Amino acid sequence: DYVGGTSTGAIIAAGLAQGMSAKELLAFYQKTGPAMFDKQF
């Protein structure tokens, strides 16, 4: 009934609250994860 998260947990929570499946979010992370979390020079 209530999904909440912090940082990366908030991203996942937002997707779940919209009705996305965990597997859909897993595919999103594999595709977009480097752009969100890769440390830059």
All heavy atoms as atom14 arrays in JSON, in Angstrom:
{
  "sequence": "DYVGGTSTGAIIAAGLAQGMSAKELLAFYQKTGPAMFDKQF",
  "atom14_mask": [
    [1, 1, 1, 1, 1, 1, 1, 1, 0, 0, 0, 0, 0, 0],
    [1, 1, 1, 1, 1, 1, 1, 1, 1, 1, 1, 1, 0, 0],
    [1, 1, 1, 1, 1, 1, 1, 0, 0, 0, 0, 0, 0, 0],
    [1, 1, 1, 1, 0, 0, 0, 0, 0, 0, 0, 0, 0, 0],
    [1, 1, 1, 1, 0, 0, 0, 0, 0, 0, 0, 0, 0, 0],
    [1, 1, 1, 1, 1, 1, 1, 0, 0, 0, 0, 0, 0, 0],
    [1, 1, 1, 1, 1, 1, 0, 0, 0, 0, 0, 0, 0, 0],
    [1, 1, 1, 1, 1, 1, 1, 0, 0, 0, 0, 0, 0, 0],
    [1, 1, 1, 1, 0, 0, 0, 0, 0, 0, 0, 0, 0, 0],
    [1, 1, 1, 1, 1, 0, 0, 0, 0, 0, 0, 0, 0, 0],
    [1, 1, 1, 1, 1, 1, 1, 1, 0, 0, 0, 0, 0, 0],
    [1, 1, 1, 1, 1, 1, 1, 1, 0, 0, 0, 0, 0, 0],
    [1, 1, 1, 1, 1, 0, 0, 0, 0, 0, 0, 0, 0, 0],
    [1, 1, 1, 1, 1, 0, 0, 0, 0, 0, 0, 0, 0, 0],
    [1, 1, 1, 1, 0, 0, 0, 0, 0, 0, 0, 0, 0, 0],
    [1, 1, 1, 1, 1, 1, 1, 1, 0, 0, 0, 0, 0, 0],
    [1, 1, 1, 1, 1, 0, 0, 0, 0, 0, 0, 0, 0, 0],
    [1, 1, 1, 1, 1, 1, 1, 1, 1, 0, 0, 0, 0, 0],
    [1, 1, 1, 1, 0, 0, 0, 0, 0, 0, 0, 0, 0, 0],
    [1, 1, 1, 1, 1, 1, 1, 1, 0, 0, 0, 0, 0, 0],
    [1, 1, 1, 1, 1, 1, 0, 0, 0, 0, 0, 0, 0, 0],
    [1, 1, 1, 1, 1, 0, 0, 0, 0, 0, 0, 0, 0, 0],
    [1, 1, 1, 1, 1, 1, 1, 1, 1, 0, 0, 0, 0, 0],
    [1, 1, 1, 1, 1, 1, 1, 1, 1, 0, 0, 0, 0, 0],
    [1, 1, 1, 1, 1, 1, 1, 1, 0, 0, 0, 0, 0, 0],
    [1, 1, 1, 1, 1, 1, 1, 1, 0, 0, 0, 0, 0, 0],
    [1, 1, 1, 1, 1, 0, 0, 0, 0, 0, 0, 0, 0, 0],
    [1, 1, 1, 1, 1, 1, 1, 1, 1, 1, 1, 0, 0, 0],
    [1, 1, 1, 1, 1, 1, 1, 1, 1, 1, 1, 1, 0, 0],
    [1, 1, 1, 1, 1, 1, 1, 1, 1, 0, 0, 0, 0, 0],
    [1, 1, 1, 1, 1, 1, 1, 1, 1, 0, 0, 0, 0, 0],
    [1, 1, 1, 1, 1, 1, 1, 0, 0, 0, 0, 0, 0, 0],
    [1, 1, 1, 1, 0, 0, 0, 0, 0, 0, 0, 0, 0, 0],
    [1, 1, 1, 1, 1, 1, 1, 0, 0, 0, 0, 0, 0, 0],
    [1, 1, 1, 1, 1, 0, 0, 0, 0, 0, 0, 0, 0, 0],
    [1, 1, 1, 1, 1, 1, 1, 1, 0, 0, 0, 0, 0, 0],
    [1, 1, 1, 1, 1, 1, 1, 1, 1, 1, 1, 0, 0, 0],
    [1, 1, 1, 1, 1, 1, 1, 1, 0, 0, 0, 0, 0, 0],
    [1, 1, 1, 1, 1, 1, 1, 1, 1, 0, 0, 0, 0, 0],
    [1, 1, 1, 1, 1, 1, 1, 1, 1, 0, 0, 0, 0, 0],
    [1, 1, 1, 1, 1, 1, 1, 1, 1, 1, 1, 0, 0, 0]
  ],
  "atom14_positions": [
    [[0.81, -1.22, 0.0], [0.0, 0.0, 0.0], [0.84, 1.27, 0.0], [0.36, 2.33, -0.41], [-0.91, 0.0, 1.24], [-1.79, -1.23, 1.29], [-2.66, -1.37, 0.42], [-1.57, -2.07, 2.18], [0.0, 0.0, 0.0], [0.0, 0.0, 0.0], [0.0, 0.0, 0.0], [0.0, 0.0, 0.0], [0.0, 0.0, 0.0], [0.0, 0.0, 0.0]],
    [[2.08, 1.16, 0.46], [2.96, 2.32, 0.55], [4.36, 1.85, 0.18], [4.91, 0.94, 0.81], [2.96, 2.86, 1.99], [3.26, 4.33, 2.16], [2.84, 5.01, 3.32], [3.99, 5.07, 1.24], [3.1, 6.36, 3.52], [4.26, 6.41, 1.43], [3.82, 7.06, 2.56], [4.09, 8.39, 2.75], [0.0, 0.0, 0.0], [0.0, 0.0, 0.0]],
    [[4.93, 2.43, -0.87], [6.26, 2.06, -1.32], [7.15, 3.29, -1.2], [6.81, 4.36, -1.73], [6.25, 1.56, -2.77], [7.66, 1.18, -3.22], [5.31, 0.37, -2.92], [0.0, 0.0, 0.0], [0.0, 0.0, 0.0], [0.0, 0.0, 0.0], [0.0, 0.0, 0.0], [0.0, 0.0, 0.0], [0.0, 0.0, 0.0], [0.0, 0.0, 0.0]],
    [[8.27, 3.16, -0.5], [9.14, 4.32, -0.32], [10.6, 3.94, -0.42], [10.98, 2.8, -0.17], [0.0, 0.0, 0.0], [0.0, 0.0, 0.0], [0.0, 0.0, 0.0], [0.0, 0.0, 0.0], [0.0, 0.0, 0.0], [0.0, 0.0, 0.0], [0.0, 0.0, 0.0], [0.0, 0.0, 0.0], [0.0, 0.0, 0.0], [0.0, 0.0, 0.0]],
    [[11.41, 4.93, -0.82], [12.82, 4.66, -0.94], [13.66, 5.91, -0.89], [13.15, 7.03, -0.99], [0.0, 0.0, 0.0], [0.0, 0.0, 0.0], [0.0, 0.0, 0.0], [0.0, 0.0, 0.0], [0.0, 0.0, 0.0], [0.0, 0.0, 0.0], [0.0, 0.0, 0.0], [0.0, 0.0, 0.0], [0.0, 0.0, 0.0], [0.0, 0.0, 0.0]],
    [[14.94, 5.7, -0.73], [15.93, 6.77, -0.69], [16.92, 6.59, -1.82], [17.37, 5.46, -2.07], [16.68, 6.75, 0.65], [15.75, 6.88, 1.73], [17.7, 7.86, 0.74], [0.0, 0.0, 0.0], [0.0, 0.0, 0.0], [0.0, 0.0, 0.0], [0.0, 0.0, 0.0], [0.0, 0.0, 0.0], [0.0, 0.0, 0.0], [0.0, 0.0, 0.0]],
    [[17.25, 7.67, -2.5], [18.26, 7.63, -3.56], [17.86, 6.58, -4.6], [16.8, 6.66, -5.2], [19.63, 7.33, -2.93], [20.66, 7.42, -3.87], [0.0, 0.0, 0.0], [0.0, 0.0, 0.0], [0.0, 0.0, 0.0], [0.0, 0.0, 0.0], [0.0, 0.0, 0.0], [0.0, 0.0, 0.0], [0.0, 0.0, 0.0], [0.0, 0.0, 0.0]],
    [[18.7, 5.58, -4.82], [18.35, 4.56, -5.8], [17.05, 3.85, -5.42], [16.28, 3.43, -6.28], [19.5, 3.54, -5.96], [19.32, 2.81, -7.16], [19.61, 2.6, -4.78], [0.0, 0.0, 0.0], [0.0, 0.0, 0.0], [0.0, 0.0, 0.0], [0.0, 0.0, 0.0], [0.0, 0.0, 0.0], [0.0, 0.0, 0.0], [0.0, 0.0, 0.0]],
    [[16.79, 3.75, -4.1], [15.54, 3.15, -3.64], [14.33, 3.97, -4.04], [13.25, 3.44, -4.3], [0.0, 0.0, 0.0], [0.0, 0.0, 0.0], [0.0, 0.0, 0.0], [0.0, 0.0, 0.0], [0.0, 0.0, 0.0], [0.0, 0.0, 0.0], [0.0, 0.0, 0.0], [0.0, 0.0, 0.0], [0.0, 0.0, 0.0], [0.0, 0.0, 0.0]],
    [[14.5, 5.31, -4.1], [13.41, 6.19, -4.53], [13.11, 6.01, -6.01], [11.95, 6.08, -6.43], [13.76, 7.64, -4.24], [0.0, 0.0, 0.0], [0.0, 0.0, 0.0], [0.0, 0.0, 0.0], [0.0, 0.0, 0.0], [0.0, 0.0, 0.0], [0.0, 0.0, 0.0], [0.0, 0.0, 0.0], [0.0, 0.0, 0.0], [0.0, 0.0, 0.0]],
    [[14.14, 5.79, -6.8], [13.94, 5.54, -8.23], [13.12, 4.27, -8.43], [12.14, 4.24, -9.18], [15.29, 5.42, -8.94], [16.11, 6.7, -8.79], [15.1, 5.09, -10.42], [17.54, 6.58, -9.26], [0.0, 0.0, 0.0], [0.0, 0.0, 0.0], [0.0, 0.0, 0.0], [0.0, 0.0, 0.0], [0.0, 0.0, 0.0], [0.0, 0.0, 0.0]],
    [[13.52, 3.22, -7.73], [12.81, 1.94, -7.84], [11.38, 2.08, -7.32], [10.42, 1.6, -7.94], [13.56, 0.84, -7.08], [14.94, 0.63, -7.7], [12.77, -0.45, -7.06], [15.86, -0.27, -6.89], [0.0, 0.0, 0.0], [0.0, 0.0, 0.0], [0.0, 0.0, 0.0], [0.0, 0.0, 0.0], [0.0, 0.0, 0.0], [0.0, 0.0, 0.0]],
    [[11.21, 2.76, -6.18], [9.89, 2.95, -5.6], [8.98, 3.7, -6.56], [7.79, 3.37, -6.7], [10.0, 3.7, -4.27], [0.0, 0.0, 0.0], [0.0, 0.0, 0.0], [0.0, 0.0, 0.0], [0.0, 0.0, 0.0], [0.0, 0.0, 0.0], [0.0, 0.0, 0.0], [0.0, 0.0, 0.0], [0.0, 0.0, 0.0], [0.0, 0.0, 0.0]],
    [[9.51, 4.72, -7.23], [8.7, 5.49, -8.18], [8.21, 4.61, -9.32], [7.05, 4.68, -9.73], [9.51, 6.66, -8.73], [0.0, 0.0, 0.0], [0.0, 0.0, 0.0], [0.0, 0.0, 0.0], [0.0, 0.0, 0.0], [0.0, 0.0, 0.0], [0.0, 0.0, 0.0], [0.0, 0.0, 0.0], [0.0, 0.0, 0.0], [0.0, 0.0, 0.0]],
    [[9.08, 3.76, -9.83], [8.68, 2.86, -10.89], [7.63, 1.86, -10.44], [6.64, 1.61, -11.13], [0.0, 0.0, 0.0], [0.0, 0.0, 0.0], [0.0, 0.0, 0.0], [0.0, 0.0, 0.0], [0.0, 0.0, 0.0], [0.0, 0.0, 0.0], [0.0, 0.0, 0.0], [0.0, 0.0, 0.0], [0.0, 0.0, 0.0], [0.0, 0.0, 0.0]],
    [[7.83, 1.29, -9.24], [6.85, 0.33, -8.71], [5.5, 1.0, -8.49], [4.46, 0.42, -8.81], [7.36, -0.25, -7.39], [8.63, -1.12, -7.45], [9.03, -1.56, -6.05], [8.43, -2.33, -8.35], [0.0, 0.0, 0.0], [0.0, 0.0, 0.0], [0.0, 0.0, 0.0], [0.0, 0.0, 0.0], [0.0, 0.0, 0.0], [0.0, 0.0, 0.0]],
    [[5.51, 2.22, -7.94], [4.26, 2.92, -7.65], [3.5, 3.28, -8.93], [2.29, 3.47, -8.9], [4.54, 4.19, -6.85], [0.0, 0.0, 0.0], [0.0, 0.0, 0.0], [0.0, 0.0, 0.0], [0.0, 0.0, 0.0], [0.0, 0.0, 0.0], [0.0, 0.0, 0.0], [0.0, 0.0, 0.0], [0.0, 0.0, 0.0], [0.0, 0.0, 0.0]],
    [[4.21, 3.34, -10.04], [3.55, 3.59, -11.33], [2.99, 2.33, -11.95], [2.28, 2.39, -12.94], [4.53, 4.23, -12.31], [4.69, 5.73, -12.16], [5.4, 6.32, -13.36], [6.44, 5.85, -13.78], [4.8, 7.36, -13.93], [0.0, 0.0, 0.0], [0.0, 0.0, 0.0], [0.0, 0.0, 0.0], [0.0, 0.0, 0.0], [0.0, 0.0, 0.0]],
    [[3.35, 1.19, -11.38], [2.84, -0.07, -11.91], [3.84, -0.87, -12.7], [3.49, -1.88, -13.32], [0.0, 0.0, 0.0], [0.0, 0.0, 0.0], [0.0, 0.0, 0.0], [0.0, 0.0, 0.0], [0.0, 0.0, 0.0], [0.0, 0.0, 0.0], [0.0, 0.0, 0.0], [0.0, 0.0, 0.0], [0.0, 0.0, 0.0], [0.0, 0.0, 0.0]],
    [[5.11, -0.44, -12.69], [6.14, -1.21, -13.39], [6.47, -2.47, -12.6], [6.37, -2.51, -11.38], [7.41, -0.36, -13.56], [7.24, 0.85, -14.46], [8.75, 1.89, -14.54], [9.85, 0.79, -15.46], [0.0, 0.0, 0.0], [0.0, 0.0, 0.0], [0.0, 0.0, 0.0], [0.0, 0.0, 0.0], [0.0, 0.0, 0.0], [0.0, 0.0, 0.0]],
    [[6.86, -3.51, -13.32], [7.3, -4.74, -12.66], [8.76, -4.61, -12.28], [9.49, -3.77, -12.81], [7.12, -5.94, -13.6], [8.06, -5.88, -14.67], [0.0, 0.0, 0.0], [0.0, 0.0, 0.0], [0.0, 0.0, 0.0], [0.0, 0.0, 0.0], [0.0, 0.0, 0.0], [0.0, 0.0, 0.0], [0.0, 0.0, 0.0], [0.0, 0.0, 0.0]],
    [[9.2, -5.47, -11.37], [10.61, -5.45, -10.95], [11.51, -5.78, -12.13], [12.6, -5.22, -12.27], [10.82, -6.43, -9.81], [0.0, 0.0, 0.0], [0.0, 0.0, 0.0], [0.0, 0.0, 0.0], [0.0, 0.0, 0.0], [0.0, 0.0, 0.0], [0.0, 0.0, 0.0], [0.0, 0.0, 0.0], [0.0, 0.0, 0.0], [0.0, 0.0, 0.0]],
    [[11.07, -6.67, -13.01], [11.89, -7.04, -14.17], [12.0, -5.89, -15.16], [13.06, -5.69, -15.78], [11.3, -8.28, -14.84], [11.48, -9.55, -14.01], [10.95, -10.77, -14.73], [11.18, -12.03, -13.89], [10.63, -13.25, -14.55], [0.0, 0.0, 0.0], [0.0, 0.0, 0.0], [0.0, 0.0, 0.0], [0.0, 0.0, 0.0], [0.0, 0.0, 0.0]],
    [[10.94, -5.1, -15.31], [11.02, -3.93, -16.18], [12.02, -2.92, -15.63], [12.79, -2.31, -16.38], [9.63, -3.28, -16.31], [8.66, -4.07, -17.16], [7.26, -3.48, -17.15], [6.83, -3.0, -16.08], [6.6, -3.5, -18.21], [0.0, 0.0, 0.0], [0.0, 0.0, 0.0], [0.0, 0.0, 0.0], [0.0, 0.0, 0.0], [0.0, 0.0, 0.0]],
    [[12.01, -2.73, -14.32], [12.94, -1.81, -13.69], [14.38, -2.33, -13.76], [15.32, -1.56, -13.89], [12.54, -1.56, -12.24], [11.38, -0.58, -12.07], [10.78, -0.69, -10.68], [11.84, 0.85, -12.33], [0.0, 0.0, 0.0], [0.0, 0.0, 0.0], [0.0, 0.0, 0.0], [0.0, 0.0, 0.0], [0.0, 0.0, 0.0], [0.0, 0.0, 0.0]],
    [[14.52, -3.64, -13.7], [15.84, -4.24, -13.83], [16.42, -3.94, -15.21], [17.6, -3.59, -15.34], [15.75, -5.75, -13.59], [17.04, -6.54, -13.44], [17.9, -5.99, -12.32], [16.72, -8.01, -13.18], [0.0, 0.0, 0.0], [0.0, 0.0, 0.0], [0.0, 0.0, 0.0], [0.0, 0.0, 0.0], [0.0, 0.0, 0.0], [0.0, 0.0, 0.0]],
    [[15.59, -4.04, -16.25], [16.04, -3.73, -17.6], [16.39, -2.24, -17.72], [17.37, -1.87, -18.38], [14.95, -4.09, -18.6], [0.0, 0.0, 0.0], [0.0, 0.0, 0.0], [0.0, 0.0, 0.0], [0.0, 0.0, 0.0], [0.0, 0.0, 0.0], [0.0, 0.0, 0.0], [0.0, 0.0, 0.0], [0.0, 0.0, 0.0], [0.0, 0.0, 0.0]],
    [[15.61, -1.38, -17.06], [15.88, 0.05, -17.06], [17.23, 0.35, -16.41], [18.02, 1.15, -16.92], [14.76, 0.79, -16.32], [15.07, 2.22, -15.98], [15.11, 3.19, -16.96], [15.33, 2.59, -14.66], [15.41, 4.52, -16.64], [15.62, 3.91, -14.33], [15.66, 4.87, -15.34], [0.0, 0.0, 0.0], [0.0, 0.0, 0.0], [0.0, 0.0, 0.0]],
    [[17.52, -0.32, -15.31], [18.79, -0.09, -14.61], [19.98, -0.57, -15.45], [21.03, 0.07, -15.47], [18.79, -0.8, -13.26], [18.47, 0.13, -12.11], [17.24, 0.77, -12.02], [19.41, 0.38, -11.11], [16.95, 1.62, -10.98], [19.12, 1.24, -10.06], [17.89, 1.86, -10.0], [17.61, 2.71, -8.97], [0.0, 0.0, 0.0], [0.0, 0.0, 0.0]],
    [[19.82, -1.69, -16.12], [20.91, -2.18, -16.93], [21.22, -1.23, -18.08], [22.37, -1.06, -18.47], [20.58, -3.58, -17.46], [20.63, -4.65, -16.38], [20.38, -6.03, -16.94], [19.27, -6.36, -17.33], [21.42, -6.85, -17.0], [0.0, 0.0, 0.0], [0.0, 0.0, 0.0], [0.0, 0.0, 0.0], [0.0, 0.0, 0.0], [0.0, 0.0, 0.0]],
    [[20.18, -0.59, -18.6], [20.36, 0.33, -19.72], [20.83, 1.71, -19.27], [21.73, 2.3, -19.88], [19.04, 0.47, -20.49], [19.1, 1.47, -21.63], [17.75, 1.6, -22.32], [17.8, 2.64, -23.44], [16.46, 2.81, -24.09], [0.0, 0.0, 0.0], [0.0, 0.0, 0.0], [0.0, 0.0, 0.0], [0.0, 0.0, 0.0], [0.0, 0.0, 0.0]],
    [[20.23, 2.23, -18.2], [20.45, 3.62, -17.8], [21.35, 3.76, -16.59], [21.84, 4.85, -16.3], [19.08, 4.29, -17.5], [18.18, 3.97, -18.55], [19.21, 5.8, -17.42], [0.0, 0.0, 0.0], [0.0, 0.0, 0.0], [0.0, 0.0, 0.0], [0.0, 0.0, 0.0], [0.0, 0.0, 0.0], [0.0, 0.0, 0.0], [0.0, 0.0, 0.0]],
    [[21.61, 2.68, -15.88], [22.42, 2.73, -14.67], [23.75, 3.43, -14.82], [24.11, 4.29, -14.0], [0.0, 0.0, 0.0], [0.0, 0.0, 0.0], [0.0, 0.0, 0.0], [0.0, 0.0, 0.0], [0.0, 0.0, 0.0], [0.0, 0.0, 0.0], [0.0, 0.0, 0.0], [0.0, 0.0, 0.0], [0.0, 0.0, 0.0], [0.0, 0.0, 0.0]],
    [[24.52, 3.11, -15.86], [25.81, 3.8, -16.0], [25.67, 5.32, -16.13], [26.49, 6.07, -15.58], [26.37, 3.19, -17.3], [25.78, 1.81, -17.33], [24.38, 1.99, -16.79], [0.0, 0.0, 0.0], [0.0, 0.0, 0.0], [0.0, 0.0, 0.0], [0.0, 0.0, 0.0], [0.0, 0.0, 0.0], [0.0, 0.0, 0.0], [0.0, 0.0, 0.0]],
    [[24.62, 5.79, -16.8], [24.42, 7.24, -16.95], [24.04, 7.88, -15.62], [24.3, 9.06, -15.4], [23.33, 7.52, -17.98], [0.0, 0.0, 0.0], [0.0, 0.0, 0.0], [0.0, 0.0, 0.0], [0.0, 0.0, 0.0], [0.0, 0.0, 0.0], [0.0, 0.0, 0.0], [0.0, 0.0, 0.0], [0.0, 0.0, 0.0], [0.0, 0.0, 0.0]],
    [[23.4, 7.11, -14.73], [22.96, 7.66, -13.46], [24.03, 7.58, -12.38], [24.11, 8.45, -11.51], [21.7, 6.92, -12.97], [20.46, 7.17, -13.82], [18.94, 6.61, -12.99], [19.16, 4.84, -12.96], [0.0, 0.0, 0.0], [0.0, 0.0, 0.0], [0.0, 0.0, 0.0], [0.0, 0.0, 0.0], [0.0, 0.0, 0.0], [0.0, 0.0, 0.0]],
    [[24.86, 6.54, -12.41], [25.72, 6.28, -11.26], [27.22, 6.18, -11.55], [28.0, 6.09, -10.62], [25.28, 4.97, -10.57], [23.86, 5.0, -10.11], [22.91, 4.19, -10.69], [23.47, 5.85, -9.09], [21.59, 4.21, -10.27], [22.16, 5.88, -8.65], [21.22, 5.06, -9.24], [0.0, 0.0, 0.0], [0.0, 0.0, 0.0], [0.0, 0.0, 0.0]],
    [[27.63, 6.21, -12.8], [29.06, 6.09, -13.09], [29.78, 7.38, -12.72], [29.43, 8.46, -13.18], [29.26, 5.8, -14.58], [30.68, 5.35, -14.88], [31.43, 5.09, -13.92], [31.02, 5.25, -16.07], [0.0, 0.0, 0.0], [0.0, 0.0, 0.0], [0.0, 0.0, 0.0], [0.0, 0.0, 0.0], [0.0, 0.0, 0.0], [0.0, 0.0, 0.0]],
    [[30.8, 7.24, -11.86], [31.55, 8.41, -11.43], [32.27, 9.04, -12.62], [32.87, 8.34, -13.43], [32.57, 8.01, -10.36], [33.21, 9.2, -9.67], [34.21, 8.73, -8.62], [33.53, 7.97, -7.51], [34.48, 7.53, -6.47], [0.0, 0.0, 0.0], [0.0, 0.0, 0.0], [0.0, 0.0, 0.0], [0.0, 0.0, 0.0], [0.0, 0.0, 0.0]],
    [[32.17, 10.35, -12.72], [32.74, 11.04, -13.87], [34.04, 11.74, -13.49], [34.26, 12.11, -12.34], [31.75, 12.09, -14.38], [30.41, 11.49, -14.78], [29.43, 12.58, -15.12], [29.62, 13.32, -16.07], [28.37, 12.69, -14.34], [0.0, 0.0, 0.0], [0.0, 0.0, 0.0], [0.0, 0.0, 0.0], [0.0, 0.0, 0.0], [0.0, 0.0, 0.0]],
    [[34.89, 11.93, -14.49], [36.1, 12.71, -14.28], [35.72, 14.18, -14.06], [34.64, 14.62, -14.41], [37.04, 12.6, -15.48], [37.6, 11.22, -15.66], [37.15, 10.4, -16.69], [38.56, 10.73, -14.78], [37.66, 9.13, -16.85], [39.07, 9.45, -14.94], [38.62, 8.64, -15.98], [0.0, 0.0, 0.0], [0.0, 0.0, 0.0], [0.0, 0.0, 0.0]]
  ]
}
